[in-house]
Amino acid sequence: MRKRTDRIGDSLRTRNLTLLVGVLVTAALMPAAALSEEPTPEWKAESQARAEELMQRLIDRYEASDSYRILFTQDTFWALADTLLSSSGEMLVQHPLHVSISYDDGSRVASNGESLWVYTSQTNQFFATEVDSSDLMIDPPELLRRFEPDPERPFPTPQVESALYPNQVVLSLRARGGGEPRGLEVHIDERELLVRQITARSSSSDWTRYRITKTVFGVKTSPADFAVTIPPGAERIGG
């Protein structure tokens, strides 16, 4: 049973690192209607416009910085195996094209906008492939641009449910064109214009939650920050 659980865990970790679902940005602040009330067409239109405006403000904020570092914890639930895994990591972005994600177990994801490298330490496997910069969703602005506020209820919860962090609101997004993940729930510190938490949900009931513990803008970077060192004996898969 232990070996089966380990195999499930390794499979899930490998699967997670191949998904270009990363961390970030989006928000809004608007009084939420009670969940028992059906939103009026006027409320929907106003909420949609407000959400889109603030999403653009957040994209502009992150793109205005040449670089930033984000520390996060990640919880991933795989519905088919009824398995929950947790880890922590760091995302580093150097505009316009360089992105890397480093996990506490040694796993790595890195891209310079032309190639993508993914290494999973638990299985000692990796893949590398050429990519177009427009294909990468691990860059926060690109991730946001692929989502839009839920037209039915972009602010899904009463404000009292957002009181875990000061000034926090929740925004519900859906994938443009029906892609995966199908939706995001984004917790935002509206005053600081910082993301505090993102939950990405798939159509298969899998979900991944990123809790942002720290964001620092204007950090120094070097080419080595966006390189993946593959250890001897690692198996190449795909790519």
C-alpha atoms as a PDB file:
ATOM      1  CA  MET A   1       0.000   0.000   0.000  1.00  0.00           C
ATOM      2  CA  ARG A   2       2.872   2.311   0.806  1.00  0.00           C
ATOM      3  CA  LYS A   3       4.479   1.744  -2.584  1.00  0.00           C
ATOM      4  CA  ARG A   4       1.172   2.414  -4.348  1.00  0.00           C
ATOM      5  CA  THR A   5       0.750   5.682  -2.424  1.00  0.00           C
ATOM      6  CA  ASP A   6       4.297   6.706  -3.336  1.00  0.00           C
ATOM      7  CA  ARG A   7       3.644   5.985  -7.018  1.00  0.00           C
ATOM      8  CA  ILE A   8       0.465   8.062  -6.908  1.00  0.00           C
ATOM      9  CA  GLY A   9       2.349  10.906  -5.248  1.00  0.00           C
ATOM     10  CA  ASP A  10       5.173  10.812  -7.796  1.00  0.00           C
ATOM     11  CA  SER A  11       2.686  10.681 -10.679  1.00  0.00           C
ATOM     12  CA  LEU A  12       0.817  13.671  -9.298  1.00  0.00           C
ATOM     13  CA  ARG A  13       4.002  15.696  -8.799  1.00  0.00           C
ATOM     14  CA  THR A  14       5.119  14.988 -12.350  1.00  0.00           C
ATOM     15  CA  ARG A  15       1.662  15.857 -13.667  1.00  0.00           C
ATOM     16  CA  ASN A  16       1.574  19.134 -11.716  1.00  0.00           C
ATOM     17  CA  LEU A  17       4.931  20.310 -13.027  1.00  0.00           C
ATOM     18  CA  THR A  18       3.838  19.791 -16.621  1.00  0.00           C
ATOM     19  CA  LEU A  19       0.856  22.102 -16.167  1.00  0.00           C
ATOM     20  CA  LEU A  20       1.705  25.682 -17.032  1.00  0.00           C
ATOM     21  CA  VAL A  21      -0.529  27.028 -14.340  1.00  0.00           C
ATOM     22  CA  GLY A  22       1.364  29.523 -12.263  1.00  0.00           C
ATOM     23  CA  VAL A  23       0.838  32.090  -9.760  1.00  0.00           C
ATOM     24  CA  LEU A  24      -0.878  35.344  -9.976  1.00  0.00           C
ATOM     25  CA  VAL A  25      -2.678  38.395 -10.329  1.00  0.00           C
ATOM     26  CA  THR A  26      -6.147  39.797 -10.430  1.00  0.00           C
ATOM     27  CA  ALA A  27      -8.673  41.554  -8.241  1.00  0.00           C
ATOM     28  CA  ALA A  28     -11.427  43.952  -7.420  1.00  0.00           C
ATOM     29  CA  LEU A  29     -13.325  45.519  -4.583  1.00  0.00           C
ATOM     30  CA  MET A  30     -17.092  45.860  -4.740  1.00  0.00           C
ATOM     31  CA  PRO A  31     -19.847  45.117  -2.204  1.00  0.00           C
ATOM     32  CA  ALA A  32     -20.925  41.510  -2.753  1.00  0.00           C
ATOM     33  CA  ALA A  33     -24.600  40.688  -3.063  1.00  0.00           C
ATOM     34  CA  ALA A  34     -26.046  38.106  -0.696  1.00  0.00           C
ATOM     35  CA  LEU A  35     -25.750  34.648  -2.164  1.00  0.00           C
ATOM     36  CA  SER A  36     -29.461  34.065  -1.710  1.00  0.00           C
ATOM     37  CA  GLU A  37     -30.268  36.972  -4.037  1.00  0.00           C
ATOM     38  CA  GLU A  38     -30.207  36.679  -7.816  1.00  0.00           C
ATOM     39  CA  PRO A  39     -27.914  39.386  -9.233  1.00  0.00           C
ATOM     40  CA  THR A  40     -29.719  41.931 -11.362  1.00  0.00           C
ATOM     41  CA  PRO A  41     -28.560  42.620 -14.944  1.00  0.00           C
ATOM     42  CA  GLU A  42     -27.415  46.068 -13.841  1.00  0.00           C
ATOM     43  CA  TRP A  43     -25.359  44.599 -10.986  1.00  0.00           C
ATOM     44  CA  LYS A  44     -23.801  42.048 -13.331  1.00  0.00           C
ATOM     45  CA  ALA A  45     -22.787  44.711 -15.848  1.00  0.00           C
ATOM     46  CA  GLU A  46     -21.331  47.008 -13.197  1.00  0.00           C
ATOM     47  CA  SER A  47     -19.470  44.146 -11.511  1.00  0.00           C
ATOM     48  CA  GLN A  48     -18.053  42.933 -14.812  1.00  0.00           C
ATOM     49  CA  ALA A  49     -16.793  46.380 -15.739  1.00  0.00           C
ATOM     50  CA  ARG A  50     -15.271  46.925 -12.294  1.00  0.00           C
ATOM     51  CA  ALA A  51     -13.558  43.532 -12.318  1.00  0.00           C
ATOM     52  CA  GLU A  52     -12.093  44.057 -15.799  1.00  0.00           C
ATOM     53  CA  GLU A  53     -10.798  47.490 -14.849  1.00  0.00           C
ATOM     54  CA  LEU A  54      -9.021  46.222 -11.754  1.00  0.00           C
ATOM     55  CA  MET A  55      -7.636  43.193 -13.567  1.00  0.00           C
ATOM     56  CA  GLN A  56      -5.967  45.575 -16.015  1.00  0.00           C
ATOM     57  CA  ARG A  57      -4.588  47.658 -13.157  1.00  0.00           C
ATOM     58  CA  LEU A  58      -3.034  44.551 -11.640  1.00  0.00           C
ATOM     59  CA  ILE A  59      -1.547  43.431 -14.946  1.00  0.00           C
ATOM     60  CA  ASP A  60      -0.061  46.900 -15.377  1.00  0.00           C
ATOM     61  CA  ARG A  61       1.404  46.823 -11.854  1.00  0.00           C
ATOM     62  CA  TYR A  62       3.213  43.539 -12.338  1.00  0.00           C
ATOM     63  CA  GLU A  63       4.390  44.433 -15.834  1.00  0.00           C
ATOM     64  CA  ALA A  64       5.701  47.787 -14.620  1.00  0.00           C
ATOM     65  CA  SER A  65       8.402  45.995 -12.612  1.00  0.00           C
ATOM     66  CA  ASP A  66      11.388  44.530 -14.455  1.00  0.00           C
ATOM     67  CA  SER A  67      11.485  41.598 -12.056  1.00  0.00           C
ATOM     68  CA  TYR A  68       9.821  40.130  -8.986  1.00  0.00           C
ATOM     69  CA  ARG A  69      10.054  37.189  -6.617  1.00  0.00           C
ATOM     70  CA  ILE A  70       7.030  35.383  -5.162  1.00  0.00           C
ATOM     71  CA  LEU A  71       7.188  32.895  -2.282  1.00  0.00           C
ATOM     72  CA  PHE A  72       4.276  30.469  -2.054  1.00  0.00           C
ATOM     73  CA  THR A  73       2.898  27.254  -0.616  1.00  0.00           C
ATOM     74  CA  GLN A  74       1.063  24.884  -2.945  1.00  0.00           C
ATOM     75  CA  ASP A  75      -1.671  22.358  -2.147  1.00  0.00           C
ATOM     76  CA  THR A  76      -2.768  20.069  -4.974  1.00  0.00           C
ATOM     77  CA  PHE A  77      -5.741  17.697  -4.893  1.00  0.00           C
ATOM     78  CA  TRP A  78      -6.013  14.842  -7.406  1.00  0.00           C
ATOM     79  CA  ALA A  79      -9.658  13.754  -7.399  1.00  0.00           C
ATOM     80  CA  LEU A  80      -9.134  10.390  -9.127  1.00  0.00           C
ATOM     81  CA  ALA A  81      -6.740   9.183  -6.415  1.00  0.00           C
ATOM     82  CA  ASP A  82      -8.330  11.226  -3.607  1.00  0.00           C
ATOM     83  CA  THR A  83      -4.824  12.504  -2.851  1.00  0.00           C
ATOM     84  CA  LEU A  84      -3.652  15.851  -1.462  1.00  0.00           C
ATOM     85  CA  LEU A  85      -0.008  16.936  -1.729  1.00  0.00           C
ATOM     86  CA  SER A  86       1.620  20.056  -0.307  1.00  0.00           C
ATOM     87  CA  SER A  87       4.878  21.817  -1.089  1.00  0.00           C
ATOM     88  CA  SER A  88       6.412  25.262  -1.074  1.00  0.00           C
ATOM     89  CA  GLY A  89       8.411  27.165  -3.618  1.00  0.00           C
ATOM     90  CA  GLU A  90       9.560  30.366  -5.224  1.00  0.00           C
ATOM     91  CA  MET A  91       8.671  31.996  -8.534  1.00  0.00           C
ATOM     92  CA  LEU A  92      11.104  34.414 -10.140  1.00  0.00           C
ATOM     93  CA  VAL A  93      10.163  36.572 -13.135  1.00  0.00           C
ATOM     94  CA  GLN A  94      12.451  38.728 -15.258  1.00  0.00           C
ATOM     95  CA  HIS A  95      10.534  40.591 -17.950  1.00  0.00           C
ATOM     96  CA  PRO A  96       9.925  40.163 -20.740  1.00  0.00           C
ATOM     97  CA  LEU A  97      10.450  36.395 -21.098  1.00  0.00           C
ATOM     98  CA  HIS A  98      12.319  34.731 -18.222  1.00  0.00           C
ATOM     99  CA  VAL A  99      10.394  32.739 -15.601  1.00  0.00           C
ATOM    100  CA  SER A 100      11.472  30.068 -13.122  1.00  0.00           C
ATOM    101  CA  ILE A 101       9.785  28.094 -10.350  1.00  0.00           C
ATOM    102  CA  SER A 102      11.866  26.305  -7.712  1.00  0.00           C
ATOM    103  CA  TYR A 103      10.275  23.843  -5.268  1.00  0.00           C
ATOM    104  CA  ASP A 104      11.581  22.895  -1.842  1.00  0.00           C
ATOM    105  CA  ASP A 105      12.181  19.286  -2.947  1.00  0.00           C
ATOM    106  CA  GLY A 106      14.528  20.291  -5.772  1.00  0.00           C
ATOM    107  CA  SER A 107      12.011  20.202  -8.622  1.00  0.00           C
ATOM    108  CA  ARG A 108      12.345  23.040 -11.129  1.00  0.00           C
ATOM    109  CA  VAL A 109      10.512  24.750 -13.986  1.00  0.00           C
ATOM    110  CA  ALA A 110      12.284  27.355 -16.103  1.00  0.00           C
ATOM    111  CA  SER A 111      11.715  29.174 -19.376  1.00  0.00           C
ATOM    112  CA  ASN A 112      13.334  31.954 -21.361  1.00  0.00           C
ATOM    113  CA  GLY A 113      10.295  32.332 -23.640  1.00  0.00           C
ATOM    114  CA  GLU A 114      11.841  30.098 -26.314  1.00  0.00           C
ATOM    115  CA  SER A 115      12.391  26.834 -24.423  1.00  0.00           C
ATOM    116  CA  LEU A 116      10.807  25.236 -21.378  1.00  0.00           C
ATOM    117  CA  TRP A 117      12.579  22.882 -18.954  1.00  0.00           C
ATOM    118  CA  VAL A 118      10.798  20.863 -16.265  1.00  0.00           C
ATOM    119  CA  TYR A 119      12.610  18.613 -13.762  1.00  0.00           C
ATOM    120  CA  THR A 120      10.822  16.449 -11.149  1.00  0.00           C
ATOM    121  CA  SER A 121      13.133  15.383  -8.344  1.00  0.00           C
ATOM    122  CA  GLN A 122      10.934  12.578  -6.928  1.00  0.00           C
ATOM    123  CA  THR A 123      11.050  10.613 -10.171  1.00  0.00           C
ATOM    124  CA  ASN A 124      14.370  12.017 -11.456  1.00  0.00           C
ATOM    125  CA  GLN A 125      12.660  12.781 -14.765  1.00  0.00           C
ATOM    126  CA  PHE A 126      12.680  15.864 -16.973  1.00  0.00           C
ATOM    127  CA  PHE A 127      11.487  17.195 -20.271  1.00  0.00           C
ATOM    128  CA  ALA A 128      12.511  20.117 -22.442  1.00  0.00           C
ATOM    129  CA  THR A 129      10.697  21.626 -25.375  1.00  0.00           C
ATOM    130  CA  GLU A 130      10.615  24.683 -27.576  1.00  0.00           C
ATOM    131  CA  VAL A 131       7.770  27.051 -26.822  1.00  0.00           C
ATOM    132  CA  ASP A 132       6.443  30.337 -28.087  1.00  0.00           C
ATOM    133  CA  SER A 133       6.295  33.138 -25.541  1.00  0.00           C
ATOM    134  CA  SER A 134       2.529  33.377 -26.076  1.00  0.00           C
ATOM    135  CA  ASP A 135       2.162  29.719 -24.977  1.00  0.00           C
ATOM    136  CA  LEU A 136       3.458  30.338 -21.465  1.00  0.00           C
ATOM    137  CA  MET A 137       0.897  30.829 -18.740  1.00  0.00           C
ATOM    138  CA  ILE A 138       3.396  30.816 -15.889  1.00  0.00           C
ATOM    139  CA  ASP A 139       4.027  34.482 -16.557  1.00  0.00           C
ATOM    140  CA  PRO A 140       1.375  36.229 -14.417  1.00  0.00           C
ATOM    141  CA  PRO A 141       0.100  38.765 -16.980  1.00  0.00           C
ATOM    142  CA  GLU A 142      -0.221  36.048 -19.620  1.00  0.00           C
ATOM    143  CA  LEU A 143      -2.127  33.878 -17.155  1.00  0.00           C
ATOM    144  CA  LEU A 144      -4.604  36.646 -16.415  1.00  0.00           C
ATOM    145  CA  ARG A 145      -5.161  37.482 -20.044  1.00  0.00           C
ATOM    146  CA  ARG A 146      -6.471  33.954 -20.580  1.00  0.00           C
ATOM    147  CA  PHE A 147      -9.217  34.428 -18.008  1.00  0.00           C
ATOM    148  CA  GLU A 148     -12.173  36.751 -17.598  1.00  0.00           C
ATOM    149  CA  PRO A 149     -14.513  37.608 -14.733  1.00  0.00           C
ATOM    150  CA  ASP A 150     -17.392  35.179 -14.339  1.00  0.00           C
ATOM    151  CA  PRO A 151     -20.279  37.014 -16.045  1.00  0.00           C
ATOM    152  CA  GLU A 152     -22.817  35.593 -13.587  1.00  0.00           C
ATOM    153  CA  ARG A 153     -21.048  36.480 -10.358  1.00  0.00           C
ATOM    154  CA  PRO A 154     -17.488  37.854 -10.540  1.00  0.00           C
ATOM    155  CA  PHE A 155     -17.504  38.482  -6.774  1.00  0.00           C
ATOM    156  CA  PRO A 156     -18.728  35.127  -5.462  1.00  0.00           C
ATOM    157  CA  THR A 157     -18.608  35.444  -1.682  1.00  0.00           C
ATOM    158  CA  PRO A 158     -19.780  37.919   0.969  1.00  0.00           C
ATOM    159  CA  GLN A 159     -17.043  40.186   2.266  1.00  0.00           C
ATOM    160  CA  VAL A 160     -17.172  38.524   5.684  1.00  0.00           C
ATOM    161  CA  GLU A 161     -15.708  35.357   4.097  1.00  0.00           C
ATOM    162  CA  SER A 162     -12.731  37.352   2.874  1.00  0.00           C
ATOM    163  CA  ALA A 163     -11.697  38.576   6.312  1.00  0.00           C
ATOM    164  CA  LEU A 164      -8.837  36.090   6.742  1.00  0.00           C
ATOM    165  CA  TYR A 165      -6.475  38.766   5.425  1.00  0.00           C
ATOM    166  CA  PRO A 166      -6.888  42.549   5.742  1.00  0.00           C
ATOM    167  CA  ASN A 167      -8.437  44.334   2.752  1.00  0.00           C
ATOM    168  CA  GLN A 168      -9.044  41.039   0.993  1.00  0.00           C
ATOM    169  CA  VAL A 169     -11.668  40.390  -1.667  1.00  0.00           C
ATOM    170  CA  VAL A 170     -12.316  37.361  -3.866  1.00  0.00           C
ATOM    171  CA  LEU A 171     -12.696  37.388  -7.628  1.00  0.00           C
ATOM    172  CA  SER A 172     -14.053  34.482  -9.665  1.00  0.00           C
ATOM    173  CA  LEU A 173     -12.583  33.997 -13.163  1.00  0.00           C
ATOM    174  CA  ARG A 174     -13.300  31.574 -15.977  1.00  0.00           C
ATOM    175  CA  ALA A 175     -11.077  30.464 -18.855  1.00  0.00           C
ATOM    176  CA  ARG A 176     -11.568  32.326 -22.123  1.00  0.00           C
ATOM    177  CA  GLY A 177     -12.672  29.854 -24.768  1.00  0.00           C
ATOM    178  CA  GLY A 178     -13.252  27.043 -22.302  1.00  0.00           C
ATOM    179  CA  GLY A 179      -9.666  25.931 -21.669  1.00  0.00           C
ATOM    180  CA  GLU A 180      -8.079  24.330 -18.605  1.00  0.00           C
ATOM    181  CA  PRO A 181      -8.016  25.087 -15.779  1.00  0.00           C
ATOM    182  CA  ARG A 182     -11.645  26.010 -16.189  1.00  0.00           C
ATOM    183  CA  GLY A 183     -11.683  28.602 -13.431  1.00  0.00           C
ATOM    184  CA  LEU A 184      -9.704  30.571 -10.857  1.00  0.00           C
ATOM    185  CA  GLU A 185     -10.646  31.961  -7.464  1.00  0.00           C
ATOM    186  CA  VAL A 186      -8.292  34.808  -6.639  1.00  0.00           C
ATOM    187  CA  HIS A 187      -7.906  36.387  -3.206  1.00  0.00           C
ATOM    188  CA  ILE A 188      -6.546  39.929  -3.417  1.00  0.00           C
ATOM    189  CA  ASP A 189      -5.295  42.519  -0.989  1.00  0.00           C
ATOM    190  CA  GLU A 190      -7.081  45.359  -2.771  1.00  0.00           C
ATOM    191  CA  ARG A 191      -5.255  48.160  -0.970  1.00  0.00           C
ATOM    192  CA  GLU A 192      -1.795  46.779  -1.770  1.00  0.00           C
ATOM    193  CA  LEU A 193      -2.836  45.332  -5.157  1.00  0.00           C
ATOM    194  CA  LEU A 194      -1.215  42.014  -4.267  1.00  0.00           C
ATOM    195  CA  VAL A 195      -2.409  38.468  -4.788  1.00  0.00           C
ATOM    196  CA  ARG A 196      -2.733  36.515  -1.547  1.00  0.00           C
ATOM    197  CA  GLN A 197      -4.168  33.241  -2.826  1.00  0.00           C
ATOM    198  CA  ILE A 198      -5.195  31.519  -6.057  1.00  0.00           C
ATOM    199  CA  THR A 199      -7.194  28.322  -6.471  1.00  0.00           C
ATOM    200  CA  ALA A 200      -7.187  26.792  -9.955  1.00  0.00           C
ATOM    201  CA  ARG A 201      -9.971  24.254 -10.632  1.00  0.00           C
ATOM    202  CA  SER A 202     -10.189  21.797 -13.517  1.00  0.00           C
ATOM    203  CA  SER A 203     -13.234  20.208 -15.118  1.00  0.00           C
ATOM    204  CA  SER A 204     -12.180  16.857 -13.599  1.00  0.00           C
ATOM    205  CA  SER A 205     -12.557  18.245 -10.030  1.00  0.00           C
ATOM    206  CA  ASP A 206      -8.780  18.474  -9.506  1.00  0.00           C
ATOM    207  CA  TRP A 207      -7.609  21.699  -7.906  1.00  0.00           C
ATOM    208  CA  THR A 208      -4.385  23.477  -6.959  1.00  0.00           C
ATOM    209  CA  ARG A 209      -4.213  26.245  -4.381  1.00  0.00           C
ATOM    210  CA  TYR A 210      -1.331  28.714  -4.192  1.00  0.00           C
ATOM    211  CA  ARG A 211      -1.001  30.770  -1.017  1.00  0.00           C
ATOM    212  CA  ILE A 212       1.316  33.729  -1.587  1.00  0.00           C
ATOM    213  CA  THR A 213       3.434  34.406   1.474  1.00  0.00           C
ATOM    214  CA  LYS A 214       5.641  37.187   0.070  1.00  0.00           C
ATOM    215  CA  THR A 215       6.021  39.295  -3.074  1.00  0.00           C
ATOM    216  CA  VAL A 216       9.101  41.441  -3.728  1.00  0.00           C
ATOM    217  CA  PHE A 217       9.411  43.702  -6.769  1.00  0.00           C
ATOM    218  CA  GLY A 218      12.638  44.860  -8.399  1.00  0.00           C
ATOM    219  CA  VAL A 219      14.891  41.939  -7.415  1.00  0.00           C
ATOM    220  CA  LYS A 220      18.299  41.256  -8.944  1.00  0.00           C
ATOM    221  CA  THR A 221      18.518  38.265 -11.287  1.00  0.00           C
ATOM    222  CA  SER A 222      21.166  36.417 -13.292  1.00  0.00           C
ATOM    223  CA  PRO A 223      21.030  33.922 -16.200  1.00  0.00           C
ATOM    224  CA  ALA A 224      21.706  31.091 -13.737  1.00  0.00           C
ATOM    225  CA  ASP A 225      18.389  31.807 -12.047  1.00  0.00           C
ATOM    226  CA  PHE A 226      16.580  30.604 -15.171  1.00  0.00           C
ATOM    227  CA  ALA A 227      18.646  27.499 -15.883  1.00  0.00           C
ATOM    228  CA  VAL A 228      17.797  23.918 -14.908  1.00  0.00           C
ATOM    229  CA  THR A 229      20.703  21.642 -14.000  1.00  0.00           C
ATOM    230  CA  ILE A 230      19.750  18.068 -14.873  1.00  0.00           C
ATOM    231  CA  PRO A 231      21.519  15.528 -12.609  1.00  0.00           C
ATOM    232  CA  PRO A 232      23.330  12.539 -14.121  1.00  0.00           C
ATOM    233  CA  GLY A 233      21.059   9.590 -14.767  1.00  0.00           C
ATOM    234  CA  ALA A 234      17.836  11.617 -15.048  1.00  0.00           C
ATOM    235  CA  GLU A 235      15.339  10.170 -17.507  1.00  0.00           C
ATOM    236  CA  ARG A 236      14.029  12.350 -20.303  1.00  0.00           C
ATOM    237  CA  ILE A 237      10.301  12.038 -21.007  1.00  0.00           C
ATOM    238  CA  GLY A 238       8.489  13.677 -23.917  1.00  0.00           C
ATOM    239  CA  GLY A 239       9.523  17.020 -25.324  1.00  0.00           C
END
